[in-house]
Amino acid sequence: MSSHSSIQEACFNVCCSSPFSSHSMTQKQEQEEEEELEFSVITPGGSFLTKDIKFTSQESLPPLRTSFYDFITAFPDYLQTNQADHIRSTEYQNLSCSSRHVLLSHTSQQQPLFSYSQFRQLSGLNNSLFTLSSTQVSSGEEMLTLAREESQFQSRMRKRIMSFMNLEESEYDMILTQDRSSAFKILAELYSFKTNPNLLTVYNYEDEAVESMIRISEKKGVKPKSAEFSWPSTGIVSEKLKRTILRSKRRSKEDKRGLFVFPLQSLVTGASYSYSWMSLAQENQWHVLLDTSALGSKDMDTLGLSLFRPDFLICSFTEFLGHDDDYLTGFGCLFVKKSSSQALSEEEAVTDPANLTVVKAEPNWIMLQNDETTLEDHNKASTSAIEIEEDDKAIIEFRGLDHADSLGLILISRRLKSLTLWLVRALTCLKHPGSHQTETPLVKICGPKTRSDRGASVSFNVFDWQGEKVDPLMVERLAEREKVGLRCAYLQKIGSVGNKKRRDGESMSLRVSVVSVRLGFMTNFDDVFRVWGFVSRFLDADFVEKEKWRKKALEKEKKNK
């Protein structure tokens, strides 16, 4: 068998394994909730991060160099991804440890179009490389017509994005929106809920974009449904989701059941879901919306998506990695399968016309008239720099996409798997000191631990020496001060332990606040080591108290000014 065939088979086995074929639902659920594989089993090499190792203070952590040696001993394949380190050092200098936010700001759900060095070279006196102009539409037909009216630059960008997303130009239309949330709103407003009256979402965390779709559908008389998730794995409760897919009513045999909104991975916990859920939904007369925000940069290249073409896709892009400035431009993308465009009904009542806003992107950069490679200063730029012509604007490189393409699916996946699994094990080795035989763990992972098919997001909670949970918002604020990108998120639709019922007979579901971190294709070992080091500070019993007093002192000082 060729190596290419092996890769395809591996992708298919991981991505397309059915959650309801070879095992019963009960067996599947039991397997998910069993203790996960030992770290030593899933790592090719040895590691000092064994099950019995523990670190009880920040000072006890090994230094960066020692930890990195241990890391590459456990994951020797990581060294094959050094091309990413070279790209980071030459094209994304803003991601160095001396820069601002080290992790969160360059691992968000938006894919970069350009590199940082390219942005610096082209932006000149402008704050953004392109400008967005908004247009309000009144129907799906008008939206699709407008999307097909392109300038040369827009055509170039669409073709490059669709190539990156592994989508056929002949099969999908691409609509630009103000952001990811706007894409969800537009689809919710235009989707034909009148004839396809169900909405089924599969998110184990609260997502404002998805919530906006749910609110709009409710105004249209839909009673939205959601998948339920197990604890602590945060995987799908398969039996309940299958029952909902199969039994949701439709108005007639000619109509679809409704819209099935599916993310393939949890952006917060890293739990992965089978492509087969899309297949089951399509076979049972659902339109499928694939939300790609939690996928890795090249996950769209997997074999599964060539087999299960969704009716709609949503993704988002930003200018470059590592910024947290509001003025930099990003946008959302809604892809509509041409054969499914009839699902955008002309009869749907719009709940808010402002939701039907699409955008056009035009280049906003300047180039110098000569061959100099550096930008002129403010005075020279005003006289010697000109806007390049439309034909030239259309041939700009999308270097951020090129970098992800050059690394490819296998290298990016290998890199993220190594970093994620090491971080999970490192966090679980942090223990509060104590006289008891079993020390109190500082960190409890919420979601998959060392499953080899987990995504590149990790969620957890921090506990003090008494076993009390530290407020994730507090952790987020302290991390922000240390320029480490942790954020507070909220898990939802978590099935209660013991399957407790409400008075109306419905199953109770839990809402859990967690700390979450997301790794991206430019993340390196320094980043995850800094996360580990920051979290270890909570082993100091006075750390949180000191920070509370510090915050109060700063607030008092501001009031006195």
Protein backbone atom coordinates (compact mmCIF):
# COMPACT_ATOMS: atom_id res chain seq x y z
CA MET A 1 0.00 0.00 0.00
CA SER A 2 1.36 3.46 -0.89
CA SER A 3 2.08 6.01 1.84
CA HIS A 4 -0.60 8.26 0.37
CA SER A 5 -3.15 5.46 0.59
CA SER A 6 -2.08 4.79 4.17
CA ILE A 7 -2.62 8.42 5.07
CA GLN A 8 -6.06 8.42 3.48
CA GLU A 9 -7.00 5.22 5.25
CA ALA A 10 -5.78 6.60 8.57
CA CYS A 11 -7.80 9.78 8.06
CA PHE A 12 -10.86 7.77 7.16
CA ASN A 13 -10.57 5.45 10.15
CA VAL A 14 -10.25 8.35 12.60
CA CYS A 15 -12.68 10.78 11.02
CA CYS A 16 -15.33 8.45 9.69
CA SER A 17 -15.58 5.69 12.26
CA SER A 18 -19.26 5.29 13.01
CA PRO A 19 -20.50 5.97 16.53
CA PHE A 20 -23.43 3.64 15.98
CA SER A 21 -22.31 0.74 13.82
CA SER A 22 -20.01 -1.89 15.35
CA HIS A 23 -20.96 -1.28 18.99
CA SER A 24 -24.18 -0.55 20.74
CA MET A 25 -24.79 2.94 22.13
CA THR A 26 -24.40 1.69 25.68
CA GLN A 27 -21.05 0.09 24.91
CA LYS A 28 -19.86 3.22 23.15
CA GLN A 29 -20.82 5.38 26.09
CA GLU A 30 -19.09 3.08 28.54
CA GLN A 31 -15.93 3.15 26.46
CA GLU A 32 -15.91 6.95 26.43
CA GLU A 33 -16.16 7.15 30.17
CA GLU A 34 -13.48 4.57 30.93
CA GLU A 35 -10.04 5.73 32.07
CA GLU A 36 -8.10 6.89 29.01
CA LEU A 37 -4.88 5.38 27.74
CA GLU A 38 -1.76 5.85 29.83
CA PHE A 39 0.57 8.58 28.59
CA SER A 40 3.36 6.01 28.18
CA VAL A 41 1.20 3.99 25.77
CA ILE A 42 0.49 6.85 23.36
CA THR A 43 4.02 8.32 23.28
CA PRO A 44 6.67 6.72 21.06
CA GLY A 45 9.48 7.58 23.51
CA GLY A 46 9.91 7.78 27.26
CA SER A 47 9.02 10.75 29.44
CA PHE A 48 9.57 11.83 33.01
CA LEU A 49 5.88 12.84 33.04
CA THR A 50 4.78 9.42 34.20
CA LYS A 51 1.61 8.71 36.13
CA ASP A 52 3.46 8.83 39.45
CA ILE A 53 5.41 12.06 38.94
CA LYS A 54 4.22 15.18 40.77
CA PHE A 55 5.25 18.80 41.03
CA THR A 56 4.14 20.61 44.17
CA SER A 57 5.48 24.12 43.54
CA GLN A 58 6.41 26.35 40.64
CA GLU A 59 10.04 26.12 41.73
CA SER A 60 9.98 22.33 41.38
CA LEU A 61 9.22 22.48 37.65
CA PRO A 62 12.15 21.52 35.41
CA PRO A 63 13.60 24.34 33.29
CA LEU A 64 12.51 24.93 29.70
CA ARG A 65 15.52 23.21 28.12
CA THR A 66 15.10 20.07 30.25
CA SER A 67 11.37 19.99 29.57
CA PHE A 68 11.87 20.37 25.83
CA TYR A 69 14.35 17.49 25.81
CA ASP A 70 11.78 15.38 27.64
CA PHE A 71 9.13 16.49 25.17
CA ILE A 72 11.08 15.48 22.05
CA THR A 73 12.05 12.22 23.75
CA ALA A 74 8.36 11.45 24.21
CA PHE A 75 7.40 12.82 20.78
CA PRO A 76 10.40 12.49 18.45
CA ASP A 77 8.18 13.12 15.39
CA TYR A 78 7.78 16.71 16.55
CA LEU A 79 11.25 17.49 15.19
CA GLN A 80 9.93 16.75 11.70
CA THR A 81 7.77 19.88 12.02
CA ASN A 82 10.67 22.33 12.42
CA GLN A 83 9.56 24.01 9.19
CA ALA A 84 6.80 25.60 11.28
CA ASP A 85 9.41 27.02 13.70
CA HIS A 86 11.32 28.52 10.78
CA ILE A 87 8.16 30.11 9.37
CA ARG A 88 7.28 31.49 12.80
CA SER A 89 10.71 33.06 13.34
CA THR A 90 10.86 34.66 9.88
CA GLU A 91 7.24 35.56 9.16
CA TYR A 92 5.55 35.91 12.58
CA GLN A 93 8.11 37.75 14.68
CA ASN A 94 5.26 39.23 16.72
CA LEU A 95 4.70 35.79 18.28
CA SER A 96 8.02 35.80 20.11
CA CYS A 97 8.02 35.43 23.91
CA SER A 98 8.77 39.14 24.28
CA SER A 99 5.60 40.11 22.44
CA ARG A 100 2.14 40.52 23.86
CA HIS A 101 -0.27 37.60 24.13
CA VAL A 102 1.71 34.45 23.47
CA LEU A 103 -1.01 31.88 22.99
CA LEU A 104 -4.66 32.85 22.71
CA SER A 105 -4.30 35.69 20.23
CA HIS A 106 -2.64 33.50 17.59
CA THR A 107 -4.75 30.38 18.07
CA SER A 108 -8.25 31.72 17.68
CA GLN A 109 -10.91 30.28 15.42
CA GLN A 110 -9.88 32.57 12.57
CA GLN A 111 -7.41 31.46 9.90
CA PRO A 112 -4.87 34.17 8.91
CA LEU A 113 -4.75 35.31 5.31
CA PHE A 114 -1.37 37.05 5.54
CA SER A 115 1.82 36.78 7.58
CA TYR A 116 2.89 39.46 10.04
CA SER A 117 5.97 40.42 8.00
CA GLN A 118 3.79 40.72 4.90
CA PHE A 119 1.36 42.92 6.78
CA ARG A 120 4.19 45.19 7.93
CA GLN A 121 5.51 45.45 4.39
CA LEU A 122 2.19 46.21 2.71
CA SER A 123 0.14 48.13 5.26
CA GLY A 124 2.07 51.41 5.05
CA LEU A 125 0.12 54.14 6.79
CA ASN A 126 -3.06 52.13 6.68
CA ASN A 127 -4.30 50.11 9.63
CA SER A 128 -5.65 47.26 7.53
CA LEU A 129 -4.76 45.47 4.33
CA PHE A 130 -8.28 45.59 2.99
CA THR A 131 -11.52 47.44 3.57
CA LEU A 132 -14.96 45.93 3.87
CA SER A 133 -18.02 47.57 2.35
CA SER A 134 -21.42 46.45 3.61
CA THR A 135 -24.60 45.82 1.62
CA GLN A 136 -27.98 44.80 2.96
CA VAL A 137 -29.84 42.16 0.95
CA SER A 138 -33.47 41.12 1.11
CA SER A 139 -33.42 37.53 -0.13
CA GLY A 140 -31.24 34.52 -0.70
CA GLU A 141 -31.37 35.07 -4.43
CA GLU A 142 -30.13 38.64 -4.08
CA MET A 143 -27.37 37.50 -1.72
CA LEU A 144 -26.11 34.85 -4.15
CA THR A 145 -26.34 37.22 -7.13
CA LEU A 146 -24.31 39.83 -5.27
CA ALA A 147 -21.72 37.25 -4.29
CA ARG A 148 -21.20 36.32 -7.94
CA GLU A 149 -20.58 39.95 -8.97
CA GLU A 150 -16.86 40.15 -8.26
CA SER A 151 -13.94 42.45 -8.86
CA GLN A 152 -10.70 40.85 -9.98
CA PHE A 153 -9.34 40.97 -6.44
CA GLN A 154 -12.49 39.41 -4.97
CA SER A 155 -12.37 36.64 -7.57
CA ARG A 156 -8.72 35.98 -6.76
CA MET A 157 -9.42 35.87 -3.03
CA ARG A 158 -12.46 33.60 -3.41
CA LYS A 159 -10.51 31.11 -5.54
CA ARG A 160 -7.62 31.08 -3.09
CA ILE A 161 -9.88 30.58 -0.06
CA MET A 162 -11.89 27.83 -1.74
CA SER A 163 -8.69 26.06 -2.74
CA PHE A 164 -7.48 26.31 0.85
CA MET A 165 -10.81 24.98 2.12
CA ASN A 166 -10.67 22.10 -0.38
CA LEU A 167 -13.99 23.14 -1.93
CA GLU A 168 -14.94 22.99 -5.61
CA GLU A 169 -15.72 26.37 -7.17
CA SER A 170 -18.36 24.73 -9.34
CA GLU A 171 -20.08 23.27 -6.28
CA TYR A 172 -20.30 26.17 -3.79
CA ASP A 173 -20.99 29.90 -3.68
CA MET A 174 -18.99 31.96 -1.16
CA ILE A 175 -20.59 34.89 0.68
CA LEU A 176 -18.49 37.23 2.81
CA THR A 177 -19.99 38.46 6.09
CA GLN A 178 -18.90 40.90 8.76
CA ASP A 179 -17.79 38.07 11.05
CA ARG A 180 -18.56 34.46 11.93
CA SER A 181 -21.61 35.40 13.99
CA SER A 182 -23.05 37.34 11.03
CA ALA A 183 -22.79 34.23 8.86
CA PHE A 184 -24.91 32.29 11.36
CA LYS A 185 -27.47 35.11 11.49
CA ILE A 186 -27.82 35.33 7.71
CA LEU A 187 -28.38 31.60 7.36
CA ALA A 188 -30.88 31.61 10.23
CA GLU A 189 -32.86 34.43 8.60
CA LEU A 190 -32.92 32.92 5.12
CA TYR A 191 -33.20 29.20 5.86
CA SER A 192 -36.61 27.76 5.04
CA PHE A 193 -37.72 26.82 8.56
CA LYS A 194 -41.32 27.15 7.40
CA THR A 195 -41.06 23.92 5.40
CA ASN A 196 -38.08 22.38 7.23
CA PRO A 197 -39.11 23.13 10.81
CA ASN A 198 -36.27 21.79 12.98
CA LEU A 199 -32.93 23.06 14.22
CA LEU A 200 -30.50 20.61 15.83
CA THR A 201 -27.12 21.83 17.18
CA VAL A 202 -24.13 19.87 18.51
CA TYR A 203 -22.14 22.18 20.82
CA ASN A 204 -20.88 21.27 24.27
CA TYR A 205 -20.03 24.91 24.99
CA GLU A 206 -21.83 28.24 24.82
CA ASP A 207 -21.19 29.94 21.49
CA GLU A 208 -22.67 33.38 20.84
CA ALA A 209 -22.84 32.83 17.08
CA VAL A 210 -24.84 29.62 17.51
CA GLU A 211 -27.00 31.25 20.17
CA SER A 212 -27.90 34.01 17.69
CA MET A 213 -29.09 31.37 15.21
CA ILE A 214 -31.14 29.69 17.94
CA ARG A 215 -32.80 32.98 18.95
CA ILE A 216 -33.74 33.80 15.36
CA SER A 217 -35.18 30.32 14.79
CA GLU A 218 -37.27 30.60 17.96
CA LYS A 219 -38.77 33.85 16.67
CA LYS A 220 -39.78 31.89 13.57
CA GLY A 221 -41.65 29.33 15.67
CA VAL A 222 -38.95 26.65 15.75
CA LYS A 223 -38.29 24.66 18.92
CA PRO A 224 -34.54 24.08 18.63
CA LYS A 225 -32.98 20.88 19.93
CA SER A 226 -29.46 20.15 21.08
CA ALA A 227 -27.24 17.13 21.49
CA GLU A 228 -26.40 16.11 25.04
CA PHE A 229 -22.88 15.40 26.27
CA SER A 230 -21.38 13.03 28.81
CA TRP A 231 -19.23 14.00 31.79
CA PRO A 232 -16.30 14.26 32.12
CA SER A 233 -15.40 13.20 28.56
CA THR A 234 -17.79 15.84 27.06
CA GLY A 235 -18.41 13.44 24.19
CA ILE A 236 -21.78 13.10 22.47
CA VAL A 237 -24.43 10.95 24.15
CA SER A 238 -24.84 8.94 20.96
CA GLU A 239 -28.14 7.21 21.59
CA LYS A 240 -30.01 10.46 22.28
CA LEU A 241 -28.57 12.29 19.28
CA LYS A 242 -29.34 9.39 16.95
CA ARG A 243 -32.93 9.29 18.24
CA THR A 244 -33.35 13.03 17.63
CA ILE A 245 -31.97 12.79 14.09
CA LEU A 246 -34.25 9.88 13.20
CA ARG A 247 -37.45 10.97 14.90
CA SER A 248 -37.69 14.71 14.30
CA LYS A 249 -40.85 15.31 12.31
CA ARG A 250 -41.09 16.83 8.86
CA ARG A 251 -44.09 18.41 7.19
CA SER A 252 -44.13 16.12 4.14
CA LYS A 253 -42.01 13.51 2.43
CA GLU A 254 -40.81 16.13 -0.04
CA ASP A 255 -39.46 18.41 2.71
CA LYS A 256 -36.32 18.17 4.77
CA ARG A 257 -36.47 17.69 8.53
CA GLY A 258 -34.50 20.87 9.15
CA LEU A 259 -30.97 22.19 9.74
CA PHE A 260 -28.31 20.08 11.47
CA VAL A 261 -25.47 22.29 12.79
CA PHE A 262 -22.29 20.32 13.37
CA PRO A 263 -18.73 21.40 14.38
CA LEU A 264 -16.73 18.10 14.13
CA GLN A 265 -14.74 19.20 17.21
CA SER A 266 -15.36 21.18 20.36
CA LEU A 267 -13.53 24.49 20.25
CA VAL A 268 -13.34 24.42 24.07
CA THR A 269 -12.69 20.83 25.19
CA GLY A 270 -11.14 19.27 22.08
CA ALA A 271 -13.71 16.45 21.98
CA SER A 272 -13.89 15.03 18.44
CA TYR A 273 -17.02 13.79 16.69
CA SER A 274 -17.38 11.38 13.81
CA TYR A 275 -18.12 12.50 10.25
CA SER A 276 -20.73 9.76 10.28
CA TRP A 277 -23.11 12.07 12.13
CA MET A 278 -23.24 14.22 8.99
CA SER A 279 -23.88 11.14 6.90
CA LEU A 280 -26.68 9.98 9.20
CA ALA A 281 -28.29 13.43 9.10
CA GLN A 282 -28.09 13.64 5.30
CA GLU A 283 -29.52 10.15 4.89
CA ASN A 284 -32.45 11.17 7.09
CA GLN A 285 -33.35 14.31 5.17
CA TRP A 286 -31.52 17.04 7.09
CA HIS A 287 -29.63 19.95 5.60
CA VAL A 288 -26.15 19.99 7.17
CA LEU A 289 -24.23 23.09 8.23
CA LEU A 290 -20.57 22.35 9.00
CA ASP A 291 -18.95 24.87 11.35
CA THR A 292 -15.19 24.65 10.71
CA SER A 293 -14.10 27.06 13.47
CA ALA A 294 -12.67 24.32 15.71
CA LEU A 295 -10.82 22.48 12.95
CA GLY A 296 -7.07 22.67 12.43
CA SER A 297 -5.70 24.75 9.57
CA LYS A 298 -5.65 21.88 7.07
CA ASP A 299 -8.30 19.56 8.52
CA MET A 300 -10.50 20.32 5.52
CA ASP A 301 -8.12 18.12 3.51
CA THR A 302 -9.27 14.97 5.29
CA LEU A 303 -10.92 12.26 3.24
CA GLY A 304 -14.15 12.54 5.22
CA LEU A 305 -15.14 15.90 3.74
CA SER A 306 -14.73 14.60 0.21
CA LEU A 307 -17.30 11.93 1.08
CA PHE A 308 -19.78 14.05 3.07
CA ARG A 309 -20.23 17.35 1.27
CA PRO A 310 -22.32 19.57 3.60
CA ASP A 311 -25.04 21.89 2.33
CA PHE A 312 -23.53 24.89 4.11
CA LEU A 313 -20.15 25.71 5.67
CA ILE A 314 -19.10 28.59 7.90
CA CYS A 315 -15.56 29.71 8.65
CA SER A 316 -13.75 32.97 9.38
CA PHE A 317 -10.48 34.66 8.47
CA THR A 318 -8.31 37.38 9.95
CA GLU A 319 -5.46 39.41 8.53
CA PHE A 320 -2.58 37.88 10.46
CA LEU A 321 -1.77 35.91 13.61
CA GLY A 322 -1.00 37.39 16.97
CA HIS A 323 -2.91 40.67 17.06
CA ASP A 324 -5.51 41.86 19.50
CA ASP A 325 -6.23 45.24 17.94
CA ASP A 326 -9.80 46.07 17.08
CA TYR A 327 -8.91 47.98 13.93
CA LEU A 328 -7.52 44.96 12.10
CA THR A 329 -9.94 43.43 9.66
CA GLY A 330 -11.44 39.98 9.58
CA PHE A 331 -14.56 38.52 8.04
CA GLY A 332 -16.77 35.46 8.04
CA CYS A 333 -17.49 33.16 5.10
CA LEU A 334 -20.74 31.37 4.38
CA PHE A 335 -20.50 28.69 1.71
CA VAL A 336 -23.76 27.58 0.08
CA LYS A 337 -23.84 24.39 -1.94
CA LYS A 338 -25.40 25.36 -5.25
CA SER A 339 -27.64 22.31 -5.31
CA SER A 340 -28.96 23.29 -1.85
CA SER A 341 -29.61 26.98 -2.55
CA GLN A 342 -33.36 26.34 -2.78
CA ALA A 343 -33.29 25.93 1.00
CA LEU A 344 -32.85 29.71 1.22
CA SER A 345 -36.55 30.48 1.01
CA GLU A 346 -38.05 33.69 -0.34
CA GLU A 347 -41.06 33.19 1.90
CA GLU A 348 -39.25 33.45 5.23
CA ALA A 349 -40.16 36.43 7.40
CA VAL A 350 -37.02 38.30 8.44
CA THR A 351 -36.78 39.01 12.17
CA ASP A 352 -34.23 41.84 11.71
CA PRO A 353 -33.22 43.26 8.29
CA ALA A 354 -29.83 44.26 9.72
CA ASN A 355 -28.98 40.57 9.97
CA LEU A 356 -29.00 40.32 6.18
CA THR A 357 -25.74 42.23 5.75
CA VAL A 358 -23.03 40.94 3.42
CA VAL A 359 -19.67 42.53 2.68
CA LYS A 360 -17.22 43.02 -0.16
CA ALA A 361 -13.47 43.17 0.42
CA GLU A 362 -11.13 45.46 -1.48
CA PRO A 363 -7.35 45.84 -1.05
CA ASN A 364 -6.20 48.79 1.00
CA TRP A 365 -2.44 48.47 0.80
CA ILE A 366 0.17 50.68 -0.84
CA MET A 367 3.32 49.82 -2.75
CA LEU A 368 6.36 51.94 -3.47
CA GLN A 369 7.12 53.05 -7.00
CA ASN A 370 10.68 51.74 -6.81
CA ASP A 371 12.06 48.35 -5.81
CA GLU A 372 12.87 49.26 -2.20
CA THR A 373 11.84 46.58 0.24
CA THR A 374 11.33 48.85 3.25
CA LEU A 375 8.49 51.33 3.76
CA GLU A 376 9.14 55.06 3.59
CA ASP A 377 8.55 57.09 6.71
CA HIS A 378 5.39 59.22 7.13
CA ASN A 379 6.58 62.17 5.01
CA LYS A 380 8.12 60.16 2.19
CA ALA A 381 5.20 57.75 2.04
CA SER A 382 2.76 60.54 1.33
CA THR A 383 4.66 61.49 -1.83
CA SER A 384 6.46 58.41 -3.08
CA ALA A 385 3.88 55.71 -2.39
CA ILE A 386 0.90 55.08 -4.63
CA GLU A 387 -1.95 52.64 -4.62
CA ILE A 388 -1.28 49.85 -7.05
CA GLU A 389 -3.65 49.24 -9.94
CA GLU A 390 -6.53 46.77 -9.76
CA ASP A 391 -4.77 44.20 -11.95
CA ASP A 392 -1.77 44.22 -9.62
CA LYS A 393 -3.89 44.18 -6.48
CA ALA A 394 -5.46 40.94 -7.63
CA ILE A 395 -2.18 38.98 -7.60
CA ILE A 396 -1.23 39.52 -3.98
CA GLU A 397 0.03 36.48 -2.10
CA PHE A 398 -2.13 35.11 0.71
CA ARG A 399 0.96 34.06 2.61
CA GLY A 400 -0.88 32.97 5.76
CA LEU A 401 -2.77 30.39 3.70
CA ASP A 402 0.39 29.46 1.81
CA HIS A 403 2.20 28.68 5.06
CA ALA A 404 -0.53 26.34 6.26
CA ASP A 405 -0.59 24.66 2.84
CA SER A 406 3.19 24.20 2.84
CA LEU A 407 3.07 22.43 6.21
CA GLY A 408 0.09 20.29 5.24
CA LEU A 409 -2.40 18.19 7.16
CA ILE A 410 -0.01 15.51 8.42
CA LEU A 411 2.69 17.79 9.85
CA ILE A 412 0.22 20.21 11.44
CA SER A 413 -1.76 17.35 13.00
CA ARG A 414 1.42 15.71 14.30
CA ARG A 415 2.64 18.98 15.81
CA LEU A 416 -0.65 19.81 17.52
CA LYS A 417 -1.14 16.28 18.83
CA SER A 418 2.33 16.26 20.43
CA LEU A 419 1.92 19.67 22.07
CA THR A 420 -1.62 19.01 23.26
CA LEU A 421 -0.95 15.60 24.80
CA TRP A 422 2.19 16.86 26.55
CA LEU A 423 0.33 19.86 27.99
CA VAL A 424 -2.52 17.69 29.29
CA ARG A 425 -0.09 15.35 31.04
CA ALA A 426 2.01 18.23 32.39
CA LEU A 427 -1.05 19.93 33.90
CA THR A 428 -2.23 16.75 35.60
CA CYS A 429 1.21 16.33 37.24
CA LEU A 430 0.66 19.48 39.33
CA LYS A 431 -0.33 18.51 42.89
CA HIS A 432 -0.88 20.46 46.08
CA PRO A 433 1.63 19.39 48.75
CA GLY A 434 0.13 17.47 51.65
CA SER A 435 0.77 14.85 54.27
CA HIS A 436 -1.77 12.46 52.81
CA GLN A 437 -0.74 9.61 50.56
CA THR A 438 -2.80 11.08 47.70
CA GLU A 439 -2.11 14.76 47.11
CA THR A 440 -4.90 17.09 45.99
CA PRO A 441 -4.64 17.72 42.23
CA LEU A 442 -4.28 21.35 41.20
CA VAL A 443 -5.89 20.76 37.80
CA LYS A 444 -8.78 18.60 36.62
CA ILE A 445 -9.18 18.18 32.87
CA CYS A 446 -12.69 18.70 31.53
CA GLY A 447 -13.02 16.74 28.32
CA PRO A 448 -10.81 14.13 26.66
CA LYS A 449 -7.40 13.65 28.25
CA THR A 450 -4.90 11.59 26.29
CA ARG A 451 -7.14 10.24 23.55
CA SER A 452 -5.14 10.22 20.33
CA ASP A 453 -8.05 11.61 18.30
CA ARG A 454 -8.66 14.66 20.52
CA GLY A 455 -8.57 18.17 19.08
CA ALA A 456 -6.12 20.97 19.89
CA SER A 457 -8.23 22.61 22.61
CA VAL A 458 -7.81 21.84 26.31
CA SER A 459 -10.27 22.80 29.03
CA PHE A 460 -9.68 22.39 32.74
CA ASN A 461 -10.37 23.83 36.17
CA VAL A 462 -7.95 24.91 38.87
CA PHE A 463 -8.53 23.95 42.52
CA ASP A 464 -6.95 25.31 45.69
CA TRP A 465 -5.36 23.16 48.39
CA GLN A 466 -8.75 22.73 50.08
CA GLY A 467 -10.30 21.37 46.88
CA GLU A 468 -12.28 24.55 46.16
CA LYS A 469 -12.59 25.57 42.52
CA VAL A 470 -10.84 28.80 41.54
CA ASP A 471 -13.13 31.07 39.49
CA PRO A 472 -12.13 30.63 35.80
CA LEU A 473 -12.74 34.36 35.27
CA MET A 474 -10.09 35.03 37.92
CA VAL A 475 -7.70 32.66 36.12
CA GLU A 476 -8.39 34.44 32.83
CA ARG A 477 -7.68 37.88 34.33
CA LEU A 478 -4.44 36.74 35.93
CA ALA A 479 -3.34 35.01 32.74
CA GLU A 480 -4.05 38.14 30.72
CA ARG A 481 -1.78 40.12 33.04
CA GLU A 482 0.98 37.57 32.46
CA LYS A 483 0.33 37.67 28.69
CA VAL A 484 -0.73 34.02 28.58
CA GLY A 485 -3.82 33.27 26.52
CA LEU A 486 -6.23 31.40 28.75
CA ARG A 487 -9.92 32.23 28.63
CA CYS A 488 -13.03 31.42 30.58
CA ALA A 489 -15.64 29.39 28.72
CA TYR A 490 -18.90 27.68 29.66
CA LEU A 491 -19.72 24.07 28.94
CA GLN A 492 -23.39 23.31 28.38
CA LYS A 493 -25.83 20.45 27.77
CA ILE A 494 -23.79 18.21 30.05
CA GLY A 495 -25.90 15.26 31.19
CA SER A 496 -26.27 15.20 34.96
CA VAL A 497 -24.69 12.40 36.96
CA GLY A 498 -27.28 9.73 37.72
CA ASN A 499 -29.49 10.93 34.84
CA LYS A 500 -31.57 13.14 37.12
CA LYS A 501 -34.87 14.45 35.76
CA ARG A 502 -36.63 17.78 36.04
CA ARG A 503 -40.25 17.98 37.17
CA ASP A 504 -41.39 17.97 33.55
CA GLY A 505 -39.60 14.66 32.98
CA GLU A 506 -36.80 16.12 30.87
CA SER A 507 -33.21 15.23 31.70
CA MET A 508 -31.32 17.81 33.71
CA SER A 509 -28.23 19.31 32.06
CA LEU A 510 -25.33 21.07 33.70
CA ARG A 511 -23.57 24.33 32.88
CA VAL A 512 -19.91 24.31 33.90
CA SER A 513 -17.41 27.18 33.78
CA VAL A 514 -13.91 26.14 32.70
CA VAL A 515 -10.53 27.53 31.70
CA SER A 516 -9.77 26.85 28.05
CA VAL A 517 -6.72 27.13 25.83
CA ARG A 518 -6.56 26.63 22.07
CA LEU A 519 -3.42 25.61 20.17
CA GLY A 520 -2.81 26.58 16.54
CA PHE A 521 -0.48 25.66 13.70
CA MET A 522 2.13 28.24 14.79
CA THR A 523 2.07 27.23 18.47
CA ASN A 524 5.44 25.97 19.72
CA PHE A 525 6.73 24.25 22.85
CA ASP A 526 7.65 27.55 24.51
CA ASP A 527 3.97 28.50 24.41
CA VAL A 528 2.67 25.39 26.15
CA PHE A 529 5.55 25.48 28.65
CA ARG A 530 4.55 29.03 29.61
CA VAL A 531 0.97 27.89 30.15
CA TRP A 532 2.25 25.11 32.40
CA GLY A 533 4.43 27.53 34.34
CA PHE A 534 1.62 30.02 34.80
CA VAL A 535 -0.88 27.43 36.05
CA SER A 536 1.73 26.08 38.50
CA ARG A 537 1.67 29.44 40.29
CA PHE A 538 -1.67 28.44 41.77
CA LEU A 539 0.21 25.88 43.87
CA ASP A 540 1.13 28.87 46.03
CA ALA A 541 -1.80 29.11 48.45
CA ASP A 542 -1.39 32.88 48.69
CA PHE A 543 -1.24 33.54 44.94
CA VAL A 544 -4.94 34.23 44.38
CA GLU A 545 -5.30 36.15 47.65
CA LYS A 546 -2.33 38.34 46.79
CA GLU A 547 -3.85 39.10 43.40
CA LYS A 548 -7.22 39.96 44.95
CA TRP A 549 -5.56 42.48 47.27
CA ARG A 550 -3.50 43.85 44.39
CA LYS A 551 -6.63 44.41 42.31
CA LYS A 552 -8.35 46.20 45.19
CA ALA A 553 -5.31 48.44 45.68
CA LEU A 554 -5.23 49.36 41.99
CA GLU A 555 -8.95 50.15 41.97
CA LYS A 556 -8.53 52.32 45.05
CA GLU A 557 -5.60 54.13 43.46
CA LYS A 558 -7.64 54.86 40.32
CA LYS A 559 -10.49 56.29 42.37
CA ASN A 560 -8.11 58.61 44.21
CA LYS A 561 -6.70 60.07 40.99
